[in-house]
Amino acid sequence: MPEPPVSIVTGASQGIGRVIALELAARGDVMVLAARNIEGLKETGAAIEEAGGRHLVMETDVTDRASIADMVSGVTRDLGRIDNLVNNSGVGGPSGTLWEVDADEWRSTFQVNVFGVFEVTRAVIPVMIGQGAGSIVIVGSISGKRPLYGRSAYTTTKTALIGLTRTLAIEAGEHGIRVNLISPGFVSGPRIEWVMRAQSEARGIDVEEVRREFESESPMGRLTDPGDVARTVGFLTSEAAAGITGADINVNSGVVMY
């Protein structure tokens, strides 16, 4: 019987990352849970254990190269391989017009959302090249393809991930590695609640009005469920998606269709 896949999910301590980890664990993957929030990772791990799954908790700072190297070496030492990498870690960044936001906050958003993906992927890819196979999924956002008032740092980082995905797919394809991006949008949970509050403050309108606006942008009149995103990650990291690489998959209830 073949060994189960080993899958790393960054930002697995909460939100979409936790839901993705639970989804992959449910199909039998051995999960590597990576994030700075060790208590959150333990909670995710406990949920996986309760469902009968296996996991490894790795406290990891995606902005720290040494921390990432320790995570990758620990995974290869304990589990022997890395089949899937889900780059999910990200921060919302500052809210405000470009000329009002703090430059250091703008820069730190790039450190997590772009350089974090670069550093983790750069550390994992040699393992996948050695195996001759692997799947990488990058969690982007519809904000990378459409404007969102007062969110220049966040939207710019998510646009950058589209270019990174397509270029890496070309570079890594000959090694049997697939690279795809998911563009979620208005996903229900703590992050979107924070975004709606920030939009409310920036625009001087009631938060419920922002919520109605967000829901009305979907032809389905709904926010996106995090499980929708997780199931798409499951598909992209499966043999069913063997012919898909360099793709940008919209999972946003129709808010963005390109």
Protein backbone atom coordinates (compact mmCIF):
# COMPACT_ATOMS: atom_id res chain seq x y z
CA MET A 1 0.00 0.00 0.00
CA PRO A 2 1.50 3.39 -1.00
CA GLU A 3 2.53 5.86 1.65
CA PRO A 4 0.06 8.74 2.16
CA PRO A 5 1.02 12.12 0.70
CA VAL A 6 2.81 14.61 2.93
CA SER A 7 1.27 18.08 2.67
CA ILE A 8 2.50 21.34 4.16
CA VAL A 9 0.00 24.13 4.83
CA THR A 10 1.38 27.48 5.95
CA GLY A 11 -0.90 29.67 8.03
CA ALA A 12 -2.59 26.50 9.30
CA SER A 13 -3.28 27.92 12.75
CA GLN A 14 -6.60 29.54 11.86
CA GLY A 15 -9.08 30.55 9.17
CA ILE A 16 -8.81 29.16 5.66
CA GLY A 17 -5.49 27.48 6.47
CA ARG A 18 -7.07 25.40 9.20
CA VAL A 19 -9.98 24.40 6.96
CA ILE A 20 -7.56 23.42 4.16
CA ALA A 21 -5.50 21.31 6.57
CA LEU A 22 -8.60 19.51 7.82
CA GLU A 23 -9.75 18.85 4.25
CA LEU A 24 -6.43 17.31 3.18
CA ALA A 25 -6.16 15.32 6.41
CA ALA A 26 -9.65 13.90 5.82
CA ARG A 27 -8.52 12.35 2.55
CA GLY A 28 -5.55 10.74 4.28
CA ASP A 29 -2.64 13.16 3.86
CA VAL A 30 -0.07 13.45 6.63
CA MET A 31 -0.31 17.14 7.48
CA VAL A 32 2.54 19.51 8.29
CA LEU A 33 1.02 22.50 10.07
CA ALA A 34 3.20 25.59 9.80
CA ALA A 35 2.66 29.04 11.31
CA ARG A 36 3.98 31.36 14.04
CA ASN A 37 0.93 30.81 16.26
CA ILE A 38 1.87 27.56 18.00
CA GLU A 39 -1.30 27.43 20.10
CA GLY A 40 -3.44 27.79 16.99
CA LEU A 41 -1.45 25.02 15.30
CA LYS A 42 -2.06 22.74 18.27
CA GLU A 43 -5.79 23.40 18.00
CA THR A 44 -5.71 22.50 14.30
CA GLY A 45 -3.68 19.40 15.12
CA ALA A 46 -6.13 18.35 17.82
CA ALA A 47 -8.99 18.58 15.31
CA ILE A 48 -7.03 16.41 12.87
CA GLU A 49 -6.27 13.84 15.56
CA GLU A 50 -9.90 13.75 16.66
CA ALA A 51 -10.85 12.88 13.08
CA GLY A 52 -8.25 10.10 13.00
CA GLY A 53 -5.61 11.92 10.95
CA ARG A 54 -1.85 12.38 11.33
CA HIS A 55 -0.01 15.65 11.63
CA LEU A 56 3.24 17.37 12.51
CA VAL A 57 3.28 20.82 14.12
CA MET A 58 6.12 23.08 12.96
CA GLU A 59 6.35 26.58 14.42
CA THR A 60 7.44 28.58 11.37
CA ASP A 61 7.96 32.24 10.53
CA VAL A 62 7.67 32.61 6.74
CA THR A 63 9.70 35.83 6.89
CA ASP A 64 12.65 34.04 8.56
CA ARG A 65 14.83 31.92 6.25
CA ALA A 66 16.37 29.97 9.12
CA SER A 67 12.94 29.14 10.53
CA ILE A 68 11.80 27.87 7.12
CA ALA A 69 14.97 25.79 6.71
CA ASP A 70 14.38 24.19 10.12
CA MET A 71 10.81 23.36 9.12
CA VAL A 72 11.78 21.73 5.82
CA SER A 73 14.66 19.76 7.33
CA GLY A 74 12.37 18.59 10.14
CA VAL A 75 9.74 17.40 7.68
CA THR A 76 12.18 15.53 5.48
CA ARG A 77 13.85 13.98 8.55
CA ASP A 78 10.61 12.82 10.15
CA LEU A 79 8.42 12.11 7.11
CA GLY A 80 10.90 11.58 4.28
CA ARG A 81 9.20 13.57 1.55
CA ILE A 82 7.03 16.58 0.65
CA ASP A 83 4.29 15.98 -1.90
CA ASN A 84 2.20 19.14 -1.59
CA LEU A 85 2.85 22.69 -0.46
CA VAL A 86 -0.03 25.08 0.19
CA ASN A 87 1.24 28.65 0.55
CA ASN A 88 -1.59 30.14 2.57
CA SER A 89 0.15 32.46 5.05
CA GLY A 90 -0.75 36.10 4.55
CA VAL A 91 -1.53 39.37 6.27
CA GLY A 92 -4.12 42.00 5.45
CA GLY A 93 -1.70 44.91 5.54
CA PRO A 94 -2.56 48.54 6.23
CA SER A 95 -5.83 50.21 5.29
CA GLY A 96 -5.89 53.73 3.91
CA THR A 97 -5.08 55.63 0.75
CA LEU A 98 -1.59 55.17 -0.67
CA TRP A 99 -0.44 58.59 0.54
CA GLU A 100 -1.72 57.97 4.07
CA VAL A 101 -0.49 54.46 4.90
CA ASP A 102 2.78 53.82 6.69
CA ALA A 103 5.58 52.82 4.31
CA ASP A 104 6.99 50.26 6.75
CA GLU A 105 3.58 48.57 7.02
CA TRP A 106 3.38 48.49 3.22
CA ARG A 107 6.82 46.87 3.07
CA SER A 108 6.01 44.33 5.80
CA THR A 109 2.94 43.21 3.84
CA PHE A 110 5.26 42.25 1.00
CA GLN A 111 7.58 40.45 3.42
CA VAL A 112 4.80 38.02 4.36
CA ASN A 113 2.57 37.83 1.29
CA VAL A 114 5.23 37.73 -1.44
CA PHE A 115 8.65 37.07 0.06
CA GLY A 116 7.12 34.54 2.45
CA VAL A 117 5.78 32.53 -0.48
CA PHE A 118 9.12 32.91 -2.28
CA GLU A 119 11.17 31.73 0.70
CA VAL A 120 9.00 28.74 1.62
CA THR A 121 8.69 27.60 -1.99
CA ARG A 122 12.40 28.06 -2.62
CA ALA A 123 13.17 25.84 0.37
CA VAL A 124 10.67 23.10 -0.54
CA ILE A 125 11.22 22.85 -4.30
CA PRO A 126 14.61 21.06 -4.13
CA VAL A 127 12.89 18.24 -2.22
CA MET A 128 10.21 17.98 -4.90
CA ILE A 129 12.80 18.09 -7.68
CA GLY A 130 14.59 15.18 -6.02
CA GLN A 131 11.32 13.24 -5.99
CA GLY A 132 10.47 14.19 -9.57
CA ALA A 133 6.98 15.28 -8.52
CA GLY A 134 5.05 17.73 -6.40
CA SER A 135 2.16 20.14 -6.32
CA ILE A 136 2.27 23.73 -5.09
CA VAL A 137 -0.86 25.78 -4.48
CA ILE A 138 -0.64 29.49 -3.72
CA VAL A 139 -3.61 31.17 -2.06
CA GLY A 140 -4.06 34.57 -3.67
CA SER A 141 -7.16 36.75 -3.72
CA ILE A 142 -9.61 38.42 -6.06
CA SER A 143 -8.02 41.61 -4.74
CA GLY A 144 -5.09 40.81 -7.02
CA LYS A 145 -7.36 41.28 -10.02
CA ARG A 146 -9.65 44.14 -9.01
CA PRO A 147 -9.27 47.26 -6.86
CA LEU A 148 -10.36 47.51 -3.25
CA TYR A 149 -10.41 50.98 -1.79
CA GLY A 150 -7.62 51.69 0.68
CA ARG A 151 -5.92 48.31 0.25
CA SER A 152 -3.04 49.08 -2.13
CA ALA A 153 -0.47 47.00 -0.24
CA TYR A 154 -2.64 43.88 -0.08
CA THR A 155 -3.90 44.07 -3.66
CA THR A 156 -0.41 44.66 -5.03
CA THR A 157 0.99 41.62 -3.22
CA LYS A 158 -1.81 39.41 -4.50
CA THR A 159 -1.27 40.61 -8.07
CA ALA A 160 2.42 39.71 -7.73
CA LEU A 161 1.48 36.13 -6.82
CA ILE A 162 -0.22 35.65 -10.19
CA GLY A 163 3.05 36.36 -12.00
CA LEU A 164 5.00 34.22 -9.57
CA THR A 165 2.65 31.27 -10.13
CA ARG A 166 2.82 31.39 -13.92
CA THR A 167 6.60 31.78 -14.04
CA LEU A 168 7.25 29.05 -11.51
CA ALA A 169 4.92 26.70 -13.39
CA ILE A 170 7.14 27.10 -16.46
CA GLU A 171 10.35 26.67 -14.51
CA ALA A 172 9.26 23.67 -12.43
CA GLY A 173 7.19 21.77 -14.98
CA GLU A 174 10.08 19.75 -16.37
CA HIS A 175 10.64 18.37 -12.87
CA GLY A 176 7.10 17.05 -12.60
CA ILE A 177 5.99 19.88 -10.32
CA ARG A 178 2.66 21.64 -10.84
CA VAL A 179 2.03 25.18 -9.57
CA ASN A 180 -1.41 26.75 -9.35
CA LEU A 181 -3.06 29.70 -7.67
CA ILE A 182 -6.50 30.06 -6.12
CA SER A 183 -8.22 33.46 -6.02
CA PRO A 184 -10.75 33.37 -3.18
CA GLY A 185 -12.99 36.31 -2.56
CA PHE A 186 -15.10 37.52 0.36
CA VAL A 187 -14.59 34.29 2.29
CA SER A 188 -16.72 34.15 5.42
CA GLY A 189 -14.74 34.23 8.66
CA PRO A 190 -12.66 36.56 10.86
CA ARG A 191 -10.56 38.00 8.01
CA ILE A 192 -13.52 39.25 5.97
CA GLU A 193 -15.12 40.65 9.10
CA TRP A 194 -11.93 42.67 9.66
CA VAL A 195 -11.91 43.81 6.03
CA MET A 196 -15.53 44.94 6.26
CA ARG A 197 -14.84 46.90 9.42
CA ALA A 198 -11.81 48.54 7.78
CA GLN A 199 -13.88 49.42 4.71
CA SER A 200 -16.60 50.83 6.95
CA GLU A 201 -14.11 53.09 8.73
CA ALA A 202 -12.27 54.15 5.57
CA ARG A 203 -15.46 55.02 3.70
CA GLY A 204 -17.52 56.31 6.63
CA ILE A 205 -20.42 53.91 6.12
CA ASP A 206 -22.11 51.29 8.29
CA VAL A 207 -20.45 47.86 8.36
CA GLU A 208 -23.75 46.18 7.46
CA GLU A 209 -23.90 48.28 4.32
CA VAL A 210 -20.44 47.00 3.42
CA ARG A 211 -21.61 43.43 4.04
CA ARG A 212 -24.61 43.93 1.73
CA GLU A 213 -22.32 45.36 -0.94
CA PHE A 214 -19.97 42.39 -0.73
CA GLU A 215 -22.82 39.88 -0.91
CA SER A 216 -24.49 41.71 -3.78
CA GLU A 217 -21.34 41.49 -5.90
CA SER A 218 -21.84 37.74 -6.12
CA PRO A 219 -24.40 36.52 -8.69
CA MET A 220 -25.26 33.99 -6.01
CA GLY A 221 -25.78 36.70 -3.38
CA ARG A 222 -23.43 35.07 -0.89
CA LEU A 223 -20.02 35.15 0.72
CA THR A 224 -17.75 32.24 -0.16
CA ASP A 225 -17.51 29.39 2.32
CA PRO A 226 -13.94 28.47 3.36
CA GLY A 227 -14.79 24.85 2.58
CA ASP A 228 -15.18 25.85 -1.07
CA VAL A 229 -11.56 26.99 -1.08
CA ALA A 230 -10.34 23.90 0.79
CA ARG A 231 -12.03 21.50 -1.62
CA THR A 232 -10.42 23.30 -4.55
CA VAL A 233 -7.02 22.88 -2.91
CA GLY A 234 -7.84 19.20 -2.50
CA PHE A 235 -8.60 18.92 -6.21
CA LEU A 236 -5.48 20.79 -7.34
CA THR A 237 -3.25 18.58 -5.19
CA SER A 238 -4.82 15.38 -6.48
CA GLU A 239 -4.19 13.20 -9.54
CA ALA A 240 -7.47 14.49 -10.94
CA ALA A 241 -5.66 17.77 -11.64
CA ALA A 242 -2.59 16.15 -13.23
CA GLY A 243 -3.03 18.25 -16.38
CA ILE A 244 -3.44 21.60 -14.60
CA THR A 245 -0.52 23.94 -13.96
CA GLY A 246 -0.05 27.69 -14.15
CA ALA A 247 -3.77 28.18 -13.56
CA ASP A 248 -5.51 30.86 -11.53
CA ILE A 249 -8.73 29.34 -10.20
CA ASN A 250 -11.48 31.71 -9.05
CA VAL A 251 -13.27 30.52 -5.91
CA ASN A 252 -15.29 33.62 -5.08
CA SER A 253 -18.95 32.90 -5.83
CA GLY A 254 -18.71 34.71 -9.17
CA VAL A 255 -17.50 38.08 -7.89
CA VAL A 256 -14.58 37.90 -10.34
CA MET A 257 -14.80 35.79 -13.50
CA TYR A 258 -11.44 36.39 -15.21
